[in-house]
């Protein structure tokens, strides 16, 4: 049984983007197709990596609904 890799065709590539891809492929000694795949993989790996969340804020007192509504009102002024 033969496995067929899916293909991807990108149309209407702006000339400046095409040139950048071509130059990047040349610098990395890859075809434009392999360079595009490498860039896609890198971008999608970064996207799927969860960002570090900041530590929760520790407050000395509870925030009341009144405080929240007052802050909203001040922000709209």
Protein backbone atom coordinates (compact mmCIF):
# COMPACT_ATOMS: atom_id res chain seq x y z
CA UNK A 1 0.00 0.00 0.00
CA UNK A 2 1.36 3.41 -1.00
CA UNK A 3 1.02 6.51 1.20
CA UNK A 4 0.23 9.70 -0.71
CA UNK A 5 1.34 12.98 0.83
CA UNK A 6 -1.22 15.78 0.61
CA UNK A 7 -0.26 18.77 -1.50
CA UNK A 8 -0.70 22.49 -1.11
CA UNK A 9 -0.85 25.11 -3.85
CA UNK A 10 -0.49 28.77 -2.90
CA UNK A 11 -1.78 31.21 -5.50
CA UNK A 12 -1.30 34.95 -5.89
CA UNK A 13 1.93 35.17 -3.88
CA UNK A 14 3.01 38.83 -3.79
CA UNK A 15 6.28 39.33 -5.73
CA UNK A 16 8.16 40.69 -2.69
CA UNK A 17 7.12 37.69 -0.56
CA UNK A 18 8.09 35.31 -3.37
CA UNK A 19 11.52 36.94 -3.57
CA UNK A 20 12.01 36.71 0.21
CA UNK A 21 11.09 33.02 0.16
CA UNK A 22 13.45 32.42 -2.75
CA UNK A 23 16.33 34.21 -0.97
CA UNK A 24 15.65 32.38 2.30
CA UNK A 25 15.58 29.03 0.48
CA UNK A 26 18.89 29.84 -1.18
CA UNK A 27 20.49 30.80 2.15
CA UNK A 28 19.38 27.51 3.71
CA UNK A 29 20.28 25.43 0.62
CA UNK A 30 16.68 24.24 0.21
CA UNK A 31 14.10 24.30 -2.53
CA UNK A 32 11.37 26.90 -2.19
CA UNK A 33 8.89 24.14 -1.34
CA UNK A 34 11.09 22.76 1.45
CA UNK A 35 11.73 26.29 2.75
CA UNK A 36 7.99 27.05 2.81
CA UNK A 37 7.36 23.80 4.71
CA UNK A 38 10.14 24.58 7.20
CA UNK A 39 8.72 28.07 7.82
CA UNK A 40 5.18 26.72 8.23
CA UNK A 41 6.33 24.05 10.68
CA UNK A 42 8.28 26.59 12.72
CA UNK A 43 5.36 29.04 12.84
CA UNK A 44 2.85 26.39 13.81
CA UNK A 45 5.12 24.89 16.50
CA UNK A 46 5.51 28.31 18.10
CA UNK A 47 1.77 28.87 17.93
CA UNK A 48 0.97 25.61 19.71
CA UNK A 49 3.44 26.24 22.52
CA UNK A 50 1.44 27.66 25.43
CA UNK A 51 2.62 31.03 26.60
CA UNK A 52 3.77 31.31 30.18
CA UNK A 53 1.11 32.87 32.30
CA UNK A 54 2.05 35.50 34.86
CA UNK A 55 1.74 34.67 38.54
CA UNK A 56 -1.66 35.48 40.03
CA UNK A 57 -2.00 38.80 41.78
CA UNK A 58 -2.38 38.56 45.54
CA UNK A 59 -4.70 41.27 46.83
CA UNK A 60 -4.90 42.47 50.42
CA UNK A 61 -8.66 42.79 50.17
CA UNK A 62 -11.45 41.37 48.05
CA UNK A 63 -12.67 43.26 45.02
CA UNK A 64 -16.33 44.12 45.35
CA UNK A 65 -18.87 44.40 42.56
CA UNK A 66 -19.15 48.12 43.41
CA UNK A 67 -15.38 48.58 42.96
CA UNK A 68 -15.55 46.85 39.54
CA UNK A 69 -18.52 48.96 38.41
CA UNK A 70 -16.80 52.16 39.59
CA UNK A 71 -13.63 51.20 37.69
CA UNK A 72 -15.66 50.52 34.52
CA UNK A 73 -17.42 53.87 34.86
CA UNK A 74 -14.11 55.72 35.35
CA UNK A 75 -12.64 53.93 32.31
CA UNK A 76 -15.52 55.16 30.14
CA UNK A 77 -15.16 58.80 31.16
